[in-house]
Amino acid sequence: MTLIYGHRGARGAAPENTLASFQACLATGVTRCELDLHLSKDQQLMVIHDATLKRTTGRRGKVSQHTAAQLMQMDARHTTAPWPLPCPIPTLEQLFEQCPFTHWQLEVKEASKTRAAEIVRAIDQLSADFSLQDKIIITSSSRTVLRAAQHLTPHLARGLVAEYAWLDPIKTAQRYGCSMLVLKSTLATEQRLKKAQQKGLHVSVWTVNEPALMRRLAACGADSLITDFPGLAIAILGNH
């Protein structure tokens, strides 16, 4: 059985990483999501993919240069899926309060050693506050982030995001005590899937938007797919 995760909510239907997008994902019946996190100036976990504001809000500057209150006033509909109403950048706390997902892939982007420590501790605290520690996994392509999570929050699940295969992604995932390997679809060969699963890794593949690819990866035994179109994935693969 292949599980389905909504990519940044339901990115194909609503502005990515906004409350509207996560609600759109839940409306399809998909109760698992993937999202991206950065820290605000005042150490709040903000749900936004880029470290800079330009692409989704049209504003200048970095997420880290603004407070959560300032970021929550910004409309994140710039160059995203069309939406009739303003879509502020949400905090992770807002999503935990309002979106009853059964599992969350929380992707942390590249960070300095200090920043990585701050962000994994913030995830740990917030997930504990909402009793969600067993329903989240911290994922990252950054060895710095995974190392911080391994040392500071060993009780939280970890996953390696692998976009390239120049370092053996399976060995790297094992080195950081990961339980999940988040593979770019171009790396998701049947051989690599099987090898990773033999090592005890859950293999989640991104970003899978074409019906033929959904079917092929499910047939190859992918544990989960991350898609911009969770409603389409349910129609193709059935409601898992």
Protein backbone atom coordinates (compact mmCIF):
# COMPACT_ATOMS: atom_id res chain seq x y z
CA MET A 1 0.00 0.00 0.00
CA THR A 2 1.39 3.38 -1.02
CA LEU A 3 0.59 6.33 1.27
CA ILE A 4 -0.02 9.83 -0.08
CA TYR A 5 1.43 13.09 1.25
CA GLY A 6 0.26 16.49 0.09
CA HIS A 7 3.25 18.55 -1.09
CA ARG A 8 3.26 21.90 0.72
CA GLY A 9 -0.43 21.14 1.28
CA ALA A 10 -2.14 20.81 -2.08
CA ARG A 11 0.25 22.98 -4.06
CA GLY A 12 -1.47 22.33 -7.37
CA ALA A 13 -4.81 23.62 -6.07
CA ALA A 14 -3.96 26.48 -3.67
CA PRO A 15 -1.01 28.72 -2.75
CA GLU A 16 1.75 26.49 -1.38
CA ASN A 17 2.46 26.26 2.35
CA THR A 18 -0.62 28.30 3.32
CA LEU A 19 -3.56 27.37 5.50
CA ALA A 20 -5.74 27.28 2.37
CA SER A 21 -3.40 24.74 0.79
CA PHE A 22 -3.38 22.41 3.80
CA GLN A 23 -7.15 22.65 4.13
CA ALA A 24 -7.47 21.82 0.42
CA CYS A 25 -5.30 18.76 1.01
CA LEU A 26 -7.44 17.56 3.90
CA ALA A 27 -10.59 18.13 1.81
CA THR A 28 -9.38 15.47 -0.66
CA GLY A 29 -9.17 12.92 2.13
CA VAL A 30 -5.36 12.97 2.29
CA THR A 31 -4.33 13.25 5.94
CA ARG A 32 -0.55 13.34 5.51
CA CYS A 33 1.42 16.40 4.48
CA GLU A 34 4.88 17.67 3.69
CA LEU A 35 5.90 21.26 4.44
CA ASP A 36 8.95 23.50 4.77
CA LEU A 37 10.15 25.43 7.81
CA HIS A 38 12.24 28.50 8.52
CA LEU A 39 12.66 30.44 11.77
CA SER A 40 11.42 34.02 12.05
CA LYS A 41 13.47 36.76 13.69
CA ASP A 42 11.71 35.99 16.98
CA GLN A 43 12.30 32.22 16.74
CA GLN A 44 8.85 31.18 15.53
CA LEU A 45 8.53 28.25 13.11
CA MET A 46 7.20 29.68 9.84
CA VAL A 47 5.82 27.53 7.05
CA ILE A 48 7.53 28.72 3.87
CA HIS A 49 9.81 26.98 1.36
CA ASP A 50 12.38 29.65 0.52
CA ALA A 51 14.69 31.46 2.92
CA THR A 52 13.75 34.64 1.03
CA LEU A 53 10.31 36.20 0.59
CA LYS A 54 10.46 37.20 -3.08
CA ARG A 55 8.97 34.17 -4.85
CA THR A 56 5.80 33.67 -2.82
CA THR A 57 5.16 37.17 -1.43
CA GLY A 58 6.91 39.53 -3.85
CA ARG A 59 8.63 41.17 -0.85
CA ARG A 60 12.33 41.73 -0.40
CA GLY A 61 14.45 40.25 2.35
CA LYS A 62 14.74 37.01 4.29
CA VAL A 63 12.28 35.22 6.51
CA SER A 64 14.81 35.47 9.36
CA GLN A 65 14.80 39.29 9.16
CA HIS A 66 11.11 39.57 10.09
CA THR A 67 9.07 38.71 13.17
CA ALA A 68 6.30 36.13 13.02
CA ALA A 69 3.72 38.92 13.37
CA GLN A 70 5.19 40.72 10.35
CA LEU A 71 5.36 37.54 8.27
CA MET A 72 1.76 36.67 9.11
CA GLN A 73 0.69 39.95 7.51
CA MET A 74 2.28 39.04 4.17
CA ASP A 75 0.21 37.59 1.33
CA ALA A 76 1.86 34.42 -0.01
CA ARG A 77 -0.06 34.21 -3.32
CA HIS A 78 2.66 35.72 -5.52
CA THR A 79 3.43 33.35 -8.45
CA THR A 80 1.53 30.45 -6.86
CA ALA A 81 -1.71 28.65 -7.72
CA PRO A 82 -4.48 31.26 -8.08
CA TRP A 83 -6.65 31.91 -5.02
CA PRO A 84 -9.40 34.50 -4.44
CA LEU A 85 -8.45 35.58 -0.91
CA PRO A 86 -5.19 36.69 0.75
CA CYS A 87 -3.11 33.79 2.08
CA PRO A 88 -0.77 34.82 4.91
CA ILE A 89 2.41 32.91 5.72
CA PRO A 90 1.30 30.60 8.56
CA THR A 91 3.15 29.48 11.64
CA LEU A 92 3.53 25.77 12.28
CA GLU A 93 1.60 26.36 15.51
CA GLN A 94 -1.41 27.57 13.48
CA LEU A 95 -1.34 24.43 11.35
CA PHE A 96 -1.01 22.16 14.38
CA GLU A 97 -4.06 23.94 15.85
CA GLN A 98 -6.24 23.90 12.74
CA CYS A 99 -5.22 20.96 10.54
CA PRO A 100 -5.75 17.42 11.88
CA PHE A 101 -3.12 15.61 9.82
CA THR A 102 -2.17 12.12 10.94
CA HIS A 103 1.47 12.56 9.89
CA TRP A 104 3.70 15.51 9.07
CA GLN A 105 6.95 15.60 7.09
CA LEU A 106 8.66 18.75 8.38
CA GLU A 107 11.45 19.67 5.98
CA VAL A 108 14.18 21.93 7.33
CA LYS A 109 16.35 23.64 4.75
CA GLU A 110 20.09 24.28 4.91
CA ALA A 111 21.08 25.96 8.17
CA SER A 112 24.14 26.96 10.15
CA LYS A 113 25.04 24.79 13.14
CA THR A 114 23.47 27.35 15.52
CA ARG A 115 20.33 27.77 13.42
CA ALA A 116 19.91 24.02 12.99
CA ALA A 117 20.04 23.56 16.77
CA GLU A 118 17.47 26.32 17.29
CA ILE A 119 15.04 24.95 14.74
CA VAL A 120 15.11 21.29 15.84
CA ARG A 121 14.63 22.37 19.48
CA ALA A 122 11.69 24.56 18.43
CA ILE A 123 10.12 21.63 16.54
CA ASP A 124 10.60 19.40 19.56
CA GLN A 125 8.96 21.89 21.92
CA LEU A 126 6.00 22.67 19.66
CA SER A 127 5.31 19.04 18.78
CA ALA A 128 5.42 18.19 22.50
CA ASP A 129 2.98 21.00 23.27
CA PHE A 130 0.50 19.46 20.81
CA SER A 131 1.33 15.82 21.68
CA LEU A 132 2.40 15.22 18.08
CA GLN A 133 5.94 13.92 18.62
CA ASP A 134 5.02 10.49 17.25
CA LYS A 135 3.24 12.03 14.24
CA ILE A 136 6.10 14.11 12.86
CA ILE A 137 9.40 13.46 11.14
CA ILE A 138 12.15 16.04 10.66
CA THR A 139 13.46 15.74 7.10
CA SER A 140 16.38 17.55 5.51
CA SER A 141 19.04 17.32 2.82
CA SER A 142 21.36 19.14 5.23
CA ARG A 143 23.80 16.97 7.17
CA THR A 144 24.06 19.84 9.68
CA VAL A 145 20.32 19.68 10.38
CA LEU A 146 20.22 15.88 10.61
CA ARG A 147 23.24 15.85 12.92
CA ALA A 148 21.59 18.43 15.19
CA ALA A 149 18.37 16.40 15.28
CA GLN A 150 20.28 13.19 15.98
CA HIS A 151 22.12 14.73 18.94
CA LEU A 152 19.56 17.16 20.38
CA THR A 153 16.21 15.46 19.64
CA PRO A 154 17.07 11.76 19.23
CA HIS A 155 13.51 10.78 20.17
CA LEU A 156 12.11 12.47 17.03
CA ALA A 157 12.12 10.57 13.74
CA ARG A 158 14.50 11.76 11.01
CA GLY A 159 14.52 11.50 7.23
CA LEU A 160 17.15 12.27 4.59
CA VAL A 161 15.98 14.24 1.55
CA ALA A 162 18.03 13.04 -1.44
CA GLU A 163 18.00 14.96 -4.70
CA TYR A 164 21.29 13.62 -6.08
CA ALA A 165 23.02 10.25 -5.79
CA TRP A 166 26.64 11.40 -5.76
CA LEU A 167 26.74 10.28 -2.12
CA ASP A 168 25.04 6.96 -1.45
CA PRO A 169 21.71 8.19 -0.04
CA ILE A 170 20.98 4.92 1.76
CA LYS A 171 24.31 4.91 3.62
CA THR A 172 23.94 8.61 4.42
CA ALA A 173 20.44 8.05 5.83
CA GLN A 174 21.74 5.23 8.00
CA ARG A 175 24.65 7.35 9.24
CA TYR A 176 22.21 9.86 10.73
CA GLY A 177 19.87 7.25 12.16
CA CYS A 178 17.09 8.07 9.70
CA SER A 179 13.92 5.99 9.42
CA MET A 180 12.85 7.62 6.13
CA LEU A 181 14.54 8.28 2.79
CA VAL A 182 12.83 11.05 0.82
CA LEU A 183 13.91 10.42 -2.77
CA LYS A 184 13.54 12.68 -5.78
CA SER A 185 11.49 10.75 -8.36
CA THR A 186 14.43 10.58 -10.81
CA LEU A 187 16.39 8.58 -8.20
CA ALA A 188 13.53 6.22 -7.35
CA THR A 189 14.56 3.11 -9.25
CA GLU A 190 13.04 -0.20 -8.24
CA GLN A 191 16.50 -1.44 -7.20
CA ARG A 192 17.15 1.56 -4.94
CA LEU A 193 13.66 1.33 -3.41
CA LYS A 194 14.13 -2.34 -2.56
CA LYS A 195 17.65 -1.83 -1.19
CA ALA A 196 16.51 1.04 1.05
CA GLN A 197 13.54 -0.95 2.33
CA GLN A 198 15.80 -3.92 3.09
CA LYS A 199 17.75 -1.54 5.34
CA GLY A 200 14.53 -0.66 7.18
CA LEU A 201 13.92 2.72 5.53
CA HIS A 202 10.48 4.06 4.59
CA VAL A 203 10.91 5.44 1.05
CA SER A 204 8.91 8.58 0.25
CA VAL A 205 9.18 9.87 -3.34
CA TRP A 206 8.76 13.49 -4.51
CA THR A 207 7.28 15.31 -6.42
CA VAL A 208 4.97 12.84 -8.15
CA ASN A 209 2.27 14.57 -10.22
CA GLU A 210 1.76 12.39 -13.33
CA PRO A 211 -0.69 9.47 -13.17
CA ALA A 212 1.68 7.13 -15.03
CA LEU A 213 4.49 7.86 -12.56
CA MET A 214 2.15 7.42 -9.60
CA ARG A 215 1.17 3.98 -10.92
CA ARG A 216 4.77 2.96 -11.69
CA LEU A 217 6.11 3.97 -8.28
CA ALA A 218 3.22 2.29 -6.47
CA ALA A 219 3.87 -0.88 -8.50
CA CYS A 220 7.57 -0.68 -7.54
CA GLY A 221 6.54 -0.62 -3.89
CA ALA A 222 7.22 3.00 -2.90
CA ASP A 223 6.04 3.44 0.70
CA SER A 224 4.66 6.92 0.03
CA LEU A 225 4.36 9.58 -2.67
CA ILE A 226 4.53 13.35 -2.18
CA THR A 227 2.32 15.15 -4.70
CA ASP A 228 1.04 18.62 -5.59
CA PHE A 229 -2.27 16.96 -6.48
CA PRO A 230 -3.40 14.77 -3.57
CA GLY A 231 -6.93 14.53 -4.98
CA LEU A 232 -5.58 13.13 -8.26
CA ALA A 233 -3.35 10.68 -6.40
CA ILE A 234 -6.36 9.36 -4.47
CA ALA A 235 -8.29 8.96 -7.72
CA ILE A 236 -5.39 7.05 -9.30
CA LEU A 237 -4.25 4.91 -6.38
CA GLY A 238 -7.33 4.74 -4.15
CA ASN A 239 -7.75 6.25 -0.70
CA HIS A 240 -4.92 4.83 1.40
